[in-house]
Amino acid sequence: MIKHLFVMGLSMLPLSHLAYGQNYRQIHQDLIVVDGHNDVIYASIFQGRDIGQRLNSGATDLPRLKEGGVDVQVFAVWSDDAKWKTGAFQHANAQIDALEKMITANSEAIALAKSSGDIDAILKTGKIAAIIGVEGGNMIEGSIDNLIKLHERGAKYLTLTWNYNVPWASCAAMESDKMDPKEKGLTDHGKAIIKKMNELGMLVDLSHGGEQTFYDVIATSNKPILVSHSNAYRLCPHFRNLKDEQLAALKKNGGVIGVNFYSGFLDPSYETRLRKIYRRQFGREADPKLSTWSMYDSLPKEAQYEADAPMDKLLDHIDYLVKKVGVDHVAVGSDFDGIESSPQGLEDVSKFPLLTKGLLARGYNNAAIAKIMGQNFLRILSENEK
C-alpha cells in the first residue's frame, strides 16, 4: 500500500519534526485510517437514504468519509436481537443487499473488500474499502451453515451478541443483571461456532459479549480476537467496557480493542449532565423512562454539544488502553450512527483528522498513531485469515 509505505518511512522521525514539518491534516492524510464499526447501513442505507451524497442528518456518507480520510470502513449489519429472534438471517442478507446496491451505485468511490488482499488492491485505486461486520449472533439463527453463507458474502467479523443473550452465548447487558452463573458464557455449540470462525478466518468480536463469554472465547479461540467498539471500564464503569483483567487477557491473546466514541461509554457523568441540560432547557425533569437518545435529540445543537463528552475523555481512554495493553492492541471503532452523542469536535466521520490532532497533542509519534488509526485492525484481520 503506497500510503502505508509512506507512513513507515516517516515513523522513525522525531515527533517535533512531524508536528512542525507537516500539519496534522497532512499527517492524517498519509495514514491508512480504519474505522472498525459504523451503523450507517441500518441508520441510513437500509432506510433508502443515498449516502453517495452529503446528507443533512446522521454522521456518515461517502463525501464525509472522504473528507475524514477514512480509507477502510466496517459497515455493521445489525438487527435488534429482541425483535429478530426469527427471520434475522434474512434480515442480515437484506442489509447486505442494500450495502451492495449502494456500492454499485457509487463504484467510483467505494468497493467491497472480502480479504486483506482486496483491501490492498482497493486502496491502490484511491477508493474506500468497505468491510462487512455482522453485529449480533442472532443473525446466524444458531446455524453454522448461515455463518458460512454470511462469510461468503463478505462478513469479516461476527459480534457474538448484542444486548440480549443468544442460545449459545450470553451478553454483557444480561450477565450484569443477576443472571444465573450456570447460564453465562458459551455453550458447546457456541464453542463450535468460534472454532468454525477461526477456520473461516473470520474475526470473533467480543464487544457486547458478557465477561464469562469473553473468557470462554479466549479459552476457545486459536486466533486473535477483536473487541470492535468498547472502552476502559476503569475510566467509565459501564458493562460495555472492558475491565483490567479482560484487557490483560486481550493482550495475551494478541487481540485488539477499538475505542468507542459514545459519550456514555467515555464519560460516567454523561447521563447526569444530559438530564441537567434537559431540565434547564425545558424547565422540567425528564421522564425516567425517556432514553438518553430521545433526550439528546430533543435538544438544540448548542445544548447537545454541551452534553457531549469532552474530546479529552476519548484521549484518556486511548491513553489508558495503550498503557494496559500496548500500542499494538488499540484501534478505532467509532460506532457512528449507532450512538446519539460523540465527543465534542467528533460529531461525524469528516472529523477524524481531529483525532489524529489530539493524539499528536498527547505526544504520540507517527508510528503509534498509524497503528491506532488503522494498522492494528488490519494486522489482526490478516492474522485471522492465515
Protein backbone atom coordinates (compact mmCIF):
# COMPACT_ATOMS: atom_id res chain seq x y z
CA MET A 1 0.00 0.00 0.00
CA ILE A 2 1.50 3.31 -1.03
CA LYS A 3 0.14 5.22 1.96
CA HIS A 4 1.35 2.56 4.35
CA LEU A 5 4.87 2.63 2.93
CA PHE A 6 4.95 6.41 3.20
CA VAL A 7 3.88 6.26 6.83
CA MET A 8 6.52 3.71 7.69
CA GLY A 9 9.13 5.88 6.04
CA LEU A 10 8.21 8.68 8.45
CA SER A 11 7.85 6.59 11.58
CA MET A 12 11.42 6.95 12.80
CA LEU A 13 11.36 10.74 12.66
CA PRO A 14 11.07 12.57 16.00
CA LEU A 15 7.68 13.95 16.98
CA SER A 16 8.87 17.54 16.73
CA HIS A 17 9.75 17.05 13.08
CA LEU A 18 6.37 15.51 12.37
CA ALA A 19 4.40 18.10 14.29
CA TYR A 20 6.11 21.10 12.77
CA GLY A 21 7.29 19.71 9.42
CA GLN A 22 3.73 18.72 8.48
CA ASN A 23 0.35 19.83 9.80
CA TYR A 24 -1.93 17.28 11.41
CA ARG A 25 -4.19 17.13 8.36
CA GLN A 26 -1.30 16.04 6.15
CA ILE A 27 -0.17 13.50 8.72
CA HIS A 28 -3.72 12.15 8.88
CA GLN A 29 -3.99 12.02 5.09
CA ASP A 30 -0.84 9.91 4.93
CA LEU A 31 -2.26 7.29 7.30
CA ILE A 32 -4.42 4.30 6.45
CA VAL A 33 -7.46 5.09 8.58
CA VAL A 34 -9.71 2.18 9.53
CA ASP A 35 -12.97 2.63 11.43
CA GLY A 36 -13.89 -0.75 12.82
CA HIS A 37 -17.58 -0.14 13.45
CA ASN A 38 -20.26 2.11 11.93
CA ASP A 39 -24.04 1.60 11.90
CA VAL A 40 -24.92 3.61 8.79
CA ILE A 41 -26.41 0.57 7.00
CA TYR A 42 -29.34 0.34 9.38
CA ALA A 43 -29.50 4.07 10.16
CA SER A 44 -29.46 5.32 6.56
CA ILE A 45 -28.75 2.89 3.71
CA PHE A 46 -31.44 0.36 4.66
CA GLN A 47 -33.88 3.24 5.11
CA GLY A 48 -33.36 4.30 1.48
CA ARG A 49 -31.12 7.31 2.08
CA ASP A 50 -28.44 7.96 -0.55
CA ILE A 51 -25.12 8.15 1.27
CA GLY A 52 -23.41 8.79 -2.05
CA GLN A 53 -24.46 12.40 -1.45
CA ARG A 54 -23.72 14.60 1.54
CA LEU A 55 -26.61 14.21 4.00
CA ASN A 56 -28.00 16.78 6.38
CA SER A 57 -28.65 14.14 9.00
CA GLY A 58 -26.68 11.29 10.52
CA ALA A 59 -22.93 11.03 10.88
CA THR A 60 -21.92 9.17 7.72
CA ASP A 61 -21.92 9.50 3.95
CA LEU A 62 -19.30 8.96 1.28
CA PRO A 63 -18.34 12.65 0.86
CA ARG A 64 -17.75 12.97 4.59
CA LEU A 65 -15.84 9.68 4.75
CA LYS A 66 -13.50 11.06 2.07
CA GLU A 67 -13.23 14.37 3.89
CA GLY A 68 -12.36 12.50 7.08
CA GLY A 69 -9.65 10.49 5.35
CA VAL A 70 -11.33 7.16 6.16
CA ASP A 71 -9.77 4.51 3.93
CA VAL A 72 -11.39 1.36 5.31
CA GLN A 73 -14.88 1.42 6.78
CA VAL A 74 -16.51 -1.51 8.55
CA PHE A 75 -20.25 -1.38 7.88
CA ALA A 76 -22.19 -3.11 10.67
CA VAL A 77 -25.11 -5.36 9.77
CA TRP A 78 -27.40 -5.11 12.79
CA SER A 79 -30.79 -6.28 13.95
CA ASP A 80 -32.39 -5.86 17.34
CA ASP A 81 -31.97 -9.33 18.79
CA ALA A 82 -35.07 -8.95 20.96
CA LYS A 83 -37.18 -8.29 17.87
CA TRP A 84 -35.46 -10.55 15.33
CA LYS A 85 -35.48 -13.93 17.05
CA THR A 86 -36.66 -15.48 13.78
CA GLY A 87 -36.01 -14.15 10.30
CA ALA A 88 -32.78 -12.50 11.43
CA PHE A 89 -30.66 -14.29 8.82
CA GLN A 90 -32.93 -13.00 6.06
CA HIS A 91 -32.80 -9.53 7.62
CA ALA A 92 -28.98 -9.64 7.61
CA ASN A 93 -28.92 -10.60 3.95
CA ALA A 94 -31.34 -7.80 3.08
CA GLN A 95 -28.99 -5.31 4.70
CA ILE A 96 -26.03 -6.71 2.78
CA ASP A 97 -28.11 -6.42 -0.40
CA ALA A 98 -28.70 -2.74 0.42
CA LEU A 99 -24.99 -2.17 1.06
CA GLU A 100 -24.04 -3.85 -2.22
CA LYS A 101 -26.60 -1.72 -4.08
CA MET A 102 -25.06 1.43 -2.56
CA ILE A 103 -21.55 0.29 -3.53
CA THR A 104 -22.63 -0.48 -7.11
CA ALA A 105 -24.22 2.98 -7.39
CA ASN A 106 -21.00 4.60 -6.15
CA SER A 107 -18.42 2.28 -7.70
CA GLU A 108 -16.10 5.17 -8.50
CA ALA A 109 -15.72 5.90 -4.77
CA ILE A 110 -16.07 2.62 -2.86
CA ALA A 111 -15.62 -1.15 -3.29
CA LEU A 112 -16.34 -4.19 -1.14
CA ALA A 113 -13.33 -5.97 0.37
CA LYS A 114 -13.65 -9.63 1.34
CA SER A 115 -9.99 -10.12 2.29
CA SER A 116 -6.84 -8.26 3.27
CA GLY A 117 -5.66 -8.64 -0.30
CA ASP A 118 -8.82 -6.94 -1.52
CA ILE A 119 -8.17 -4.03 0.83
CA ASP A 120 -4.66 -3.58 -0.59
CA ALA A 121 -5.95 -3.60 -4.15
CA ILE A 122 -8.84 -1.22 -3.45
CA LEU A 123 -6.70 1.33 -1.61
CA LYS A 124 -4.29 1.48 -4.53
CA THR A 125 -7.18 2.77 -6.66
CA GLY A 126 -7.94 5.56 -4.20
CA LYS A 127 -11.35 4.14 -3.32
CA ILE A 128 -12.75 3.47 0.14
CA ALA A 129 -12.61 -0.22 1.08
CA ALA A 130 -15.91 -1.39 2.58
CA ILE A 131 -15.88 -4.31 5.03
CA ILE A 132 -18.93 -6.07 6.43
CA GLY A 133 -19.19 -6.79 10.15
CA VAL A 134 -22.24 -8.65 11.48
CA GLU A 135 -23.32 -7.24 14.86
CA GLY A 136 -25.28 -9.94 16.62
CA GLY A 137 -25.08 -13.72 16.63
CA ASN A 138 -28.87 -13.91 16.41
CA MET A 139 -28.44 -13.31 12.68
CA ILE A 140 -26.97 -16.76 12.09
CA GLU A 141 -30.01 -18.24 13.90
CA GLY A 142 -27.79 -20.83 15.55
CA SER A 143 -26.72 -22.26 12.19
CA ILE A 144 -23.08 -22.76 11.23
CA ASP A 145 -24.25 -23.02 7.61
CA ASN A 146 -25.71 -19.50 7.92
CA LEU A 147 -22.42 -18.31 9.43
CA ILE A 148 -20.58 -19.68 6.40
CA LYS A 149 -23.02 -18.04 3.99
CA LEU A 150 -22.60 -14.62 5.63
CA HIS A 151 -18.83 -15.06 5.49
CA GLU A 152 -19.07 -15.89 1.80
CA ARG A 153 -20.97 -12.64 1.29
CA GLY A 154 -18.07 -10.75 2.86
CA ALA A 155 -18.68 -10.71 6.61
CA LYS A 156 -15.24 -10.38 8.20
CA TYR A 157 -16.40 -10.43 11.81
CA LEU A 158 -19.31 -11.56 13.92
CA THR A 159 -20.17 -9.69 17.12
CA LEU A 160 -21.42 -12.66 19.12
CA THR A 161 -24.27 -10.85 20.87
CA TRP A 162 -25.96 -7.50 21.03
CA ASN A 163 -27.91 -6.57 24.19
CA TYR A 164 -29.72 -9.88 24.62
CA ASN A 165 -28.47 -13.41 25.06
CA VAL A 166 -28.46 -15.81 22.15
CA PRO A 167 -29.00 -19.53 22.88
CA TRP A 168 -25.27 -20.22 22.64
CA ALA A 169 -23.68 -17.09 24.22
CA SER A 170 -24.51 -14.56 26.93
CA CYS A 171 -24.25 -10.80 26.54
CA ALA A 172 -22.80 -8.12 28.79
CA ALA A 173 -26.16 -6.41 29.40
CA MET A 174 -27.76 -9.57 30.79
CA GLU A 175 -24.72 -11.06 32.50
CA SER A 176 -24.52 -7.89 34.57
CA ASP A 177 -28.17 -8.25 35.68
CA LYS A 178 -28.08 -11.11 38.22
CA MET A 179 -28.04 -13.83 35.60
CA ASP A 180 -27.73 -17.45 36.76
CA PRO A 181 -23.98 -18.25 36.62
CA LYS A 182 -24.76 -21.61 35.01
CA GLU A 183 -26.31 -19.81 32.05
CA LYS A 184 -23.37 -17.50 31.45
CA GLY A 185 -20.76 -17.88 28.71
CA LEU A 186 -20.55 -20.12 25.68
CA THR A 187 -22.38 -23.40 25.27
CA ASP A 188 -20.73 -26.31 23.48
CA HIS A 189 -22.47 -25.14 20.31
CA GLY A 190 -21.10 -21.67 20.90
CA LYS A 191 -17.59 -23.08 21.13
CA ALA A 192 -18.16 -24.93 17.85
CA ILE A 193 -19.17 -21.62 16.25
CA ILE A 194 -15.95 -19.96 17.48
CA LYS A 195 -13.86 -22.82 16.08
CA LYS A 196 -15.63 -22.54 12.72
CA MET A 197 -14.96 -18.78 12.68
CA ASN A 198 -11.27 -19.47 13.31
CA GLU A 199 -11.31 -21.96 10.44
CA LEU A 200 -13.02 -19.45 8.12
CA GLY A 201 -10.62 -16.65 9.05
CA MET A 202 -13.50 -14.63 10.48
CA LEU A 203 -12.79 -12.32 13.43
CA VAL A 204 -14.59 -13.05 16.70
CA ASP A 205 -15.85 -9.71 18.03
CA LEU A 206 -16.46 -9.50 21.77
CA SER A 207 -18.00 -6.04 22.06
CA HIS A 208 -21.38 -6.59 23.77
CA GLY A 209 -20.19 -10.00 25.00
CA GLY A 210 -20.53 -10.88 28.69
CA GLU A 211 -17.49 -11.38 30.90
CA GLN A 212 -17.90 -15.15 31.02
CA THR A 213 -18.45 -15.23 27.27
CA PHE A 214 -15.28 -13.16 26.90
CA TYR A 215 -13.17 -15.62 28.87
CA ASP A 216 -14.78 -18.66 27.24
CA VAL A 217 -13.88 -17.25 23.81
CA ILE A 218 -10.31 -16.50 24.93
CA ALA A 219 -10.01 -20.14 26.03
CA THR A 220 -11.55 -21.47 22.80
CA SER A 221 -10.15 -19.29 20.01
CA ASN A 222 -6.78 -20.01 18.45
CA LYS A 223 -6.75 -16.62 16.69
CA PRO A 224 -6.51 -13.03 17.98
CA ILE A 225 -9.88 -11.60 18.95
CA LEU A 226 -11.43 -8.22 18.24
CA VAL A 227 -13.36 -6.01 20.63
CA SER A 228 -14.57 -3.67 17.92
CA HIS A 229 -16.22 -0.82 19.85
CA SER A 230 -15.63 -0.75 23.62
CA ASN A 231 -13.63 1.25 26.15
CA ALA A 232 -11.94 1.03 29.56
CA TYR A 233 -14.18 0.06 32.48
CA ARG A 234 -11.79 1.65 34.98
CA LEU A 235 -12.45 5.08 33.48
CA CYS A 236 -16.16 4.57 32.81
CA PRO A 237 -17.74 1.64 34.70
CA HIS A 238 -20.29 0.57 32.11
CA PHE A 239 -20.97 -3.10 31.34
CA ARG A 240 -20.00 -2.46 27.70
CA ASN A 241 -16.43 -1.59 28.68
CA LEU A 242 -13.57 -3.97 29.49
CA LYS A 243 -12.17 -4.46 32.97
CA ASP A 244 -8.43 -4.51 33.58
CA GLU A 245 -8.38 -8.31 33.86
CA GLN A 246 -10.07 -8.60 30.46
CA LEU A 247 -7.56 -6.17 28.98
CA ALA A 248 -4.70 -8.32 30.30
CA ALA A 249 -6.27 -11.40 28.70
CA LEU A 250 -6.78 -9.49 25.44
CA LYS A 251 -3.11 -8.51 25.36
CA LYS A 252 -2.01 -12.11 25.97
CA ASN A 253 -4.30 -13.26 23.15
CA GLY A 254 -2.77 -10.71 20.74
CA GLY A 255 -6.16 -9.12 20.09
CA VAL A 256 -7.26 -5.54 19.56
CA ILE A 257 -9.78 -3.21 21.21
CA GLY A 258 -11.37 -0.42 19.14
CA VAL A 259 -12.24 2.71 21.13
CA ASN A 260 -15.92 3.60 21.01
CA PHE A 261 -16.86 7.28 20.56
CA TYR A 262 -20.11 7.09 22.55
CA SER A 263 -20.18 9.75 25.28
CA GLY A 264 -21.96 7.31 27.61
CA PHE A 265 -19.08 4.81 27.36
CA LEU A 266 -16.43 7.52 27.72
CA ASP A 267 -17.73 9.76 30.49
CA PRO A 268 -19.54 8.41 33.58
CA SER A 269 -21.16 11.83 34.12
CA TYR A 270 -22.72 11.96 30.63
CA GLU A 271 -26.27 10.97 31.53
CA THR A 272 -26.36 13.16 34.65
CA ARG A 273 -25.14 16.13 32.60
CA LEU A 274 -27.65 15.41 29.85
CA ARG A 275 -30.55 15.32 32.31
CA LYS A 276 -29.39 18.59 33.88
CA ILE A 277 -29.24 20.28 30.47
CA TYR A 278 -32.67 18.86 29.59
CA ARG A 279 -34.13 20.24 32.83
CA ARG A 280 -32.63 23.66 32.16
CA GLN A 281 -33.85 23.64 28.55
CA PHE A 282 -37.45 22.56 29.22
CA GLY A 283 -37.97 23.62 32.84
CA ARG A 284 -38.86 20.11 33.98
CA GLU A 285 -37.24 16.79 34.81
CA ALA A 286 -37.03 14.27 32.01
CA ASP A 287 -39.29 11.25 32.37
CA PRO A 288 -37.13 8.50 33.94
CA LYS A 289 -38.28 6.19 31.13
CA LEU A 290 -37.09 8.60 28.43
CA SER A 291 -34.00 7.27 26.69
CA THR A 292 -30.80 9.29 26.53
CA TRP A 293 -31.20 9.24 22.74
CA SER A 294 -34.66 10.85 22.95
CA MET A 295 -33.47 13.44 25.45
CA TYR A 296 -30.46 14.30 23.33
CA ASP A 297 -32.46 14.56 20.10
CA SER A 298 -34.89 16.98 21.72
CA LEU A 299 -32.11 19.50 22.47
CA PRO A 300 -30.84 22.28 20.19
CA LYS A 301 -27.37 21.81 18.70
CA GLU A 302 -25.56 24.04 21.20
CA ALA A 303 -27.08 22.13 24.12
CA GLN A 304 -26.17 18.80 22.50
CA TYR A 305 -22.57 19.97 22.18
CA GLU A 306 -22.58 20.89 25.89
CA ALA A 307 -23.82 17.39 26.73
CA ASP A 308 -21.20 15.66 24.59
CA ALA A 309 -18.15 14.20 26.32
CA PRO A 310 -15.05 16.38 26.01
CA MET A 311 -12.54 15.12 23.44
CA ASP A 312 -10.08 14.62 26.29
CA LYS A 313 -12.27 11.78 27.61
CA LEU A 314 -11.71 9.81 24.41
CA LEU A 315 -7.99 10.53 24.50
CA ASP A 316 -7.89 9.48 28.17
CA HIS A 317 -9.37 6.09 27.23
CA ILE A 318 -6.80 5.66 24.45
CA ASP A 319 -4.00 6.57 26.86
CA TYR A 320 -5.31 4.12 29.44
CA LEU A 321 -5.75 1.29 26.94
CA VAL A 322 -2.28 1.85 25.47
CA LYS A 323 -0.86 1.74 29.00
CA LYS A 324 -2.67 -1.51 29.77
CA VAL A 325 -2.38 -3.48 26.52
CA GLY A 326 0.28 -1.64 24.49
CA VAL A 327 0.03 0.48 21.38
CA ASP A 328 -0.12 -2.64 19.17
CA HIS A 329 -3.53 -3.57 20.56
CA VAL A 330 -5.61 -0.37 20.33
CA ALA A 331 -7.72 0.65 17.33
CA VAL A 332 -10.79 2.73 16.47
CA GLY A 333 -14.43 1.60 16.37
CA SER A 334 -16.43 4.82 16.34
CA ASP A 335 -19.99 3.39 16.49
CA PHE A 336 -21.11 6.40 14.45
CA ASP A 337 -24.81 6.27 13.54
CA GLY A 338 -25.37 3.82 16.37
CA ILE A 339 -24.94 6.46 19.09
CA GLU A 340 -26.65 9.76 19.81
CA SER A 341 -23.63 11.57 21.26
CA SER A 342 -19.94 11.56 20.36
CA PRO A 343 -17.07 13.69 21.72
CA GLN A 344 -17.04 17.43 21.19
CA GLY A 345 -15.41 18.02 17.80
CA LEU A 346 -16.01 14.45 16.58
CA GLU A 347 -19.63 14.84 15.54
CA ASP A 348 -19.35 12.89 12.28
CA VAL A 349 -16.91 10.92 10.13
CA SER A 350 -15.50 14.05 8.48
CA LYS A 351 -13.87 14.99 11.80
CA PHE A 352 -11.46 12.03 12.07
CA PRO A 353 -8.43 14.29 11.42
CA LEU A 354 -9.12 15.93 14.78
CA LEU A 355 -8.48 12.61 16.49
CA THR A 356 -5.05 12.50 14.87
CA LYS A 357 -4.52 16.09 16.04
CA GLY A 358 -5.47 15.07 19.57
CA LEU A 359 -3.10 12.09 19.55
CA LEU A 360 -0.25 14.32 18.39
CA ALA A 361 -1.02 16.74 21.21
CA ARG A 362 -0.85 13.82 23.66
CA GLY A 363 2.67 13.02 22.46
CA TYR A 364 2.06 10.01 20.21
CA ASN A 365 4.53 9.73 17.35
CA ASN A 366 3.57 8.97 13.79
CA ALA A 367 4.23 5.24 14.06
CA ALA A 368 1.99 4.91 17.11
CA ILE A 369 -0.79 6.94 15.51
CA ALA A 370 -0.58 4.81 12.36
CA LYS A 371 -1.08 1.67 14.47
CA ILE A 372 -4.06 3.05 16.40
CA MET A 373 -5.75 4.58 13.37
CA GLY A 374 -5.55 1.50 11.17
CA GLN A 375 -2.57 -0.84 11.21
CA ASN A 376 -3.61 -2.79 14.30
CA PHE A 377 -7.04 -3.62 12.88
CA LEU A 378 -5.50 -4.65 9.57
CA ARG A 379 -2.95 -6.81 11.38
CA ILE A 380 -5.46 -8.98 13.21
CA LEU A 381 -7.65 -9.13 10.12
CA SER A 382 -4.68 -10.63 8.26
CA GLU A 383 -3.69 -12.90 11.16
CA ASN A 384 -7.18 -14.37 11.30
CA GLU A 385 -7.05 -15.16 7.58
CA LYS A 386 -3.88 -17.26 7.94
